[in-house]
């Protein structure tokens, strides 16, 4: 089996597990993960968040608390013909989205504003399909976060935090030499911190 096929099968597995959470379990898990995430909020701190797609864990409670506490939130901005992400200030009113990427209901609002790169963030919350106990992430397959995180090498780096449900955690995922470990994973069971290669 090729690596691409293995990753495709794993994405299918994790998405199914995430989608099978019943309504009440999802609500409880989302609230518990949100409480754990609040430890990353500080006044004036620049935090990169994500716009949830499909059954990804929602950040509504975290966003509300972060804004109340004076943190500065940023959403990914996808520029044409490049995979490396910019980040623009979050706006609560999506009617003011500059444009939308994606189709049907799974659109990603793109907000205007001063764009910054990931190395200007203090914390970056990273969506994922799966993650292993070493901190290696399996994403949607678009490559945006992989390219953006790879570009951080040699720069001041934000604290990278994968966000999801406990059912998305596994013992080990296939990864390649260029893949970068996240610093932590937050789910309803709390915060799991990883010792990355740079820390060893």
Protein backbone atom coordinates (compact mmCIF):
# COMPACT_ATOMS: atom_id res chain seq x y z
CA UNK A 1 0.00 0.00 0.00
CA UNK A 2 1.34 3.43 -0.93
CA UNK A 3 1.78 6.16 1.70
CA UNK A 4 -0.88 8.27 -0.03
CA UNK A 5 -3.38 5.41 0.11
CA UNK A 6 -2.57 4.69 3.74
CA UNK A 7 -3.19 8.33 4.66
CA UNK A 8 -6.42 8.35 2.67
CA UNK A 9 -7.67 5.28 4.55
CA UNK A 10 -6.70 6.84 7.88
CA UNK A 11 -8.54 10.07 7.04
CA UNK A 12 -11.66 8.04 6.27
CA UNK A 13 -11.31 6.19 9.59
CA UNK A 14 -10.84 9.30 11.74
CA UNK A 15 -13.58 11.29 10.01
CA UNK A 16 -16.02 8.44 10.55
CA UNK A 17 -15.08 8.23 14.25
CA UNK A 18 -15.55 11.98 14.64
CA UNK A 19 -18.89 11.98 12.80
CA UNK A 20 -20.22 9.11 14.93
CA UNK A 21 -20.07 11.15 18.14
CA UNK A 22 -23.66 11.66 19.23
CA UNK A 23 -25.01 15.16 19.79
CA UNK A 24 -24.72 15.17 23.60
CA UNK A 25 -21.27 13.58 23.59
CA UNK A 26 -20.08 16.17 21.05
CA UNK A 27 -21.42 19.05 23.16
CA UNK A 28 -19.74 17.72 26.33
CA UNK A 29 -16.46 17.08 24.52
CA UNK A 30 -16.47 20.52 22.87
CA UNK A 31 -17.05 22.26 26.20
CA UNK A 32 -14.33 20.25 27.95
CA UNK A 33 -11.81 20.93 25.17
CA UNK A 34 -12.76 24.61 25.24
CA UNK A 35 -12.06 24.79 28.98
CA UNK A 36 -8.61 23.26 28.44
CA UNK A 37 -7.84 25.65 25.59
CA UNK A 38 -8.55 28.70 27.78
CA UNK A 39 -5.15 28.16 29.44
CA UNK A 40 -3.58 29.60 26.30
CA UNK A 41 -5.42 32.91 26.52
CA UNK A 42 -3.48 35.99 27.65
CA UNK A 43 -4.29 39.66 27.13
CA UNK A 44 -2.58 40.92 23.99
CA UNK A 45 -1.50 37.44 22.90
CA UNK A 46 -1.81 36.76 19.16
CA UNK A 47 -3.64 33.49 18.65
CA UNK A 48 -4.23 31.84 15.29
CA UNK A 49 -7.57 30.03 15.21
CA UNK A 50 -9.36 28.06 12.49
CA UNK A 51 -12.79 28.08 10.88
CA UNK A 52 -14.27 24.60 11.58
CA UNK A 53 -15.14 22.51 8.54
CA UNK A 54 -17.66 19.69 8.71
CA UNK A 55 -17.38 17.81 12.01
CA UNK A 56 -14.23 19.55 13.27
CA UNK A 57 -14.31 20.72 16.88
CA UNK A 58 -15.88 24.16 17.10
CA UNK A 59 -14.15 27.05 18.88
CA UNK A 60 -17.16 29.31 19.65
CA UNK A 61 -16.70 29.30 23.43
CA UNK A 62 -12.95 29.73 23.20
CA UNK A 63 -13.29 32.65 20.76
CA UNK A 64 -15.81 34.45 22.98
CA UNK A 65 -13.60 34.09 26.07
CA UNK A 66 -10.42 35.06 24.20
CA UNK A 67 -12.01 38.27 22.92
CA UNK A 68 -13.35 39.11 26.39
CA UNK A 69 -9.88 38.64 27.88
CA UNK A 70 -8.21 40.88 25.31
CA UNK A 71 -6.44 38.33 23.13
CA UNK A 72 -5.99 39.08 19.42
CA UNK A 73 -7.41 36.39 17.15
CA UNK A 74 -6.36 35.62 13.58
CA UNK A 75 -7.87 33.39 10.90
CA UNK A 76 -5.97 31.68 8.07
CA UNK A 77 -6.00 33.52 4.76
CA UNK A 78 -5.50 31.43 1.63
CA UNK A 79 -3.68 33.22 -1.15
CA UNK A 80 -4.07 31.99 -4.72
CA UNK A 81 -1.32 29.82 -6.20
CA UNK A 82 0.49 29.28 -2.91
CA UNK A 83 0.07 26.88 0.00
CA UNK A 84 1.70 29.05 2.66
CA UNK A 85 -0.93 30.69 4.83
CA UNK A 86 -1.27 34.31 5.85
CA UNK A 87 -3.33 35.21 8.93
CA UNK A 88 -5.76 38.13 9.16
CA UNK A 89 -7.64 39.57 12.17
CA UNK A 90 -10.76 37.63 13.12
CA UNK A 91 -14.10 39.38 12.69
CA UNK A 92 -17.18 38.02 14.42
CA UNK A 93 -19.48 39.17 11.61
CA UNK A 94 -18.95 36.82 8.65
CA UNK A 95 -21.10 39.09 6.46
CA UNK A 96 -17.98 41.18 6.10
CA UNK A 97 -15.96 38.34 4.64
CA UNK A 98 -13.83 39.56 1.74
CA UNK A 99 -14.38 36.30 -0.12
CA UNK A 100 -15.08 32.67 0.58
CA UNK A 101 -12.96 29.65 -0.27
CA UNK A 102 -14.60 26.27 -0.72
CA UNK A 103 -17.95 25.07 -2.00
CA UNK A 104 -21.47 24.61 -0.65
CA UNK A 105 -21.86 24.86 3.13
CA UNK A 106 -18.19 24.09 3.79
CA UNK A 107 -16.91 27.54 2.90
CA UNK A 108 -14.05 29.28 4.69
CA UNK A 109 -14.58 33.03 5.11
CA UNK A 110 -11.54 35.08 4.13
CA UNK A 111 -11.34 38.39 6.00
CA UNK A 112 -9.51 41.48 4.87
CA UNK A 113 -7.04 43.22 7.15
CA UNK A 114 -3.33 43.40 7.79
CA UNK A 115 -1.88 39.99 6.93
CA UNK A 116 0.81 38.40 9.08
CA UNK A 117 2.72 35.14 8.80
CA UNK A 118 2.55 32.36 11.37
CA UNK A 119 5.85 33.33 13.03
CA UNK A 120 4.20 36.54 14.26
CA UNK A 121 1.65 34.51 16.25
CA UNK A 122 2.19 33.48 19.86
CA UNK A 123 -0.10 30.44 19.66
CA UNK A 124 -1.45 28.62 16.61
CA UNK A 125 -4.47 26.33 17.01
CA UNK A 126 -4.25 23.71 14.27
CA UNK A 127 -7.23 21.68 13.00
CA UNK A 128 -6.58 18.03 12.25
CA UNK A 129 -8.09 14.78 11.09
CA UNK A 130 -5.83 12.64 13.25
CA UNK A 131 -2.80 12.95 15.53
CA UNK A 132 -0.45 10.44 17.13
CA UNK A 133 1.19 10.29 20.54
CA UNK A 134 4.40 11.80 19.19
CA UNK A 135 2.59 14.93 17.98
CA UNK A 136 2.54 14.17 14.26
CA UNK A 137 -0.63 15.43 12.60
CA UNK A 138 -2.76 14.08 9.77
CA UNK A 139 -4.49 16.97 8.02
CA UNK A 140 -7.17 17.32 5.36
CA UNK A 141 -4.59 16.75 2.64
CA UNK A 142 -4.48 20.29 1.24
CA UNK A 143 -0.97 20.93 2.52
CA UNK A 144 -1.59 24.47 3.80
CA UNK A 145 -0.56 23.88 7.40
CA UNK A 146 2.29 21.54 6.44
CA UNK A 147 3.84 24.17 4.18
CA UNK A 148 3.18 27.00 6.66
CA UNK A 149 4.72 25.09 9.58
CA UNK A 150 7.72 23.99 7.50
CA UNK A 151 8.39 27.66 6.69
CA UNK A 152 8.81 28.37 10.41
CA UNK A 153 12.12 26.53 10.66
CA UNK A 154 14.83 28.91 11.79
CA UNK A 155 12.30 31.57 12.89
CA UNK A 156 10.63 32.51 16.12
CA UNK A 157 7.85 29.93 16.30
CA UNK A 158 4.36 30.03 17.78
CA UNK A 159 3.27 27.36 20.22
CA UNK A 160 1.43 24.90 17.93
CA UNK A 161 -1.62 23.22 19.44
CA UNK A 162 -3.61 20.56 17.61
CA UNK A 163 -7.32 20.68 18.44
CA UNK A 164 -9.82 17.85 18.13
CA UNK A 165 -11.62 14.99 19.86
CA UNK A 166 -10.03 12.08 21.76
CA UNK A 167 -11.20 9.68 19.04
CA UNK A 168 -8.74 11.38 16.67
CA UNK A 169 -5.71 10.32 18.72
CA UNK A 170 -3.79 7.16 17.83
CA UNK A 171 -0.54 5.46 18.78
CA UNK A 172 1.40 6.24 15.60
CA UNK A 173 0.78 7.83 12.20
CA UNK A 174 2.91 7.51 9.08
CA UNK A 175 5.05 10.59 8.61
CA UNK A 176 7.85 11.84 6.40
CA UNK A 177 11.15 13.59 7.16
CA UNK A 178 9.69 17.06 6.46
CA UNK A 179 6.70 16.62 8.78
CA UNK A 180 6.80 18.77 11.91
CA UNK A 181 5.50 17.73 15.31
CA UNK A 182 3.01 19.91 17.12
CA UNK A 183 3.77 21.09 20.62
CA UNK A 184 0.48 19.89 22.13
CA UNK A 185 -2.91 18.33 21.47
CA UNK A 186 -6.08 19.49 23.21
CA UNK A 187 -9.24 17.40 23.36
CA UNK A 188 -11.97 16.67 25.91
CA UNK A 189 -9.47 14.66 27.97
CA UNK A 190 -7.22 17.69 28.49
CA UNK A 191 -3.82 18.77 27.17
CA UNK A 192 -1.26 16.30 25.86
CA UNK A 193 2.18 17.87 25.46
CA UNK A 194 4.85 16.49 23.14
CA UNK A 195 8.62 16.61 23.24
CA UNK A 196 9.49 17.78 19.77
CA UNK A 197 12.77 17.08 17.95
CA UNK A 198 13.88 20.67 18.58
CA UNK A 199 13.50 20.15 22.34
CA UNK A 200 15.47 16.89 22.51
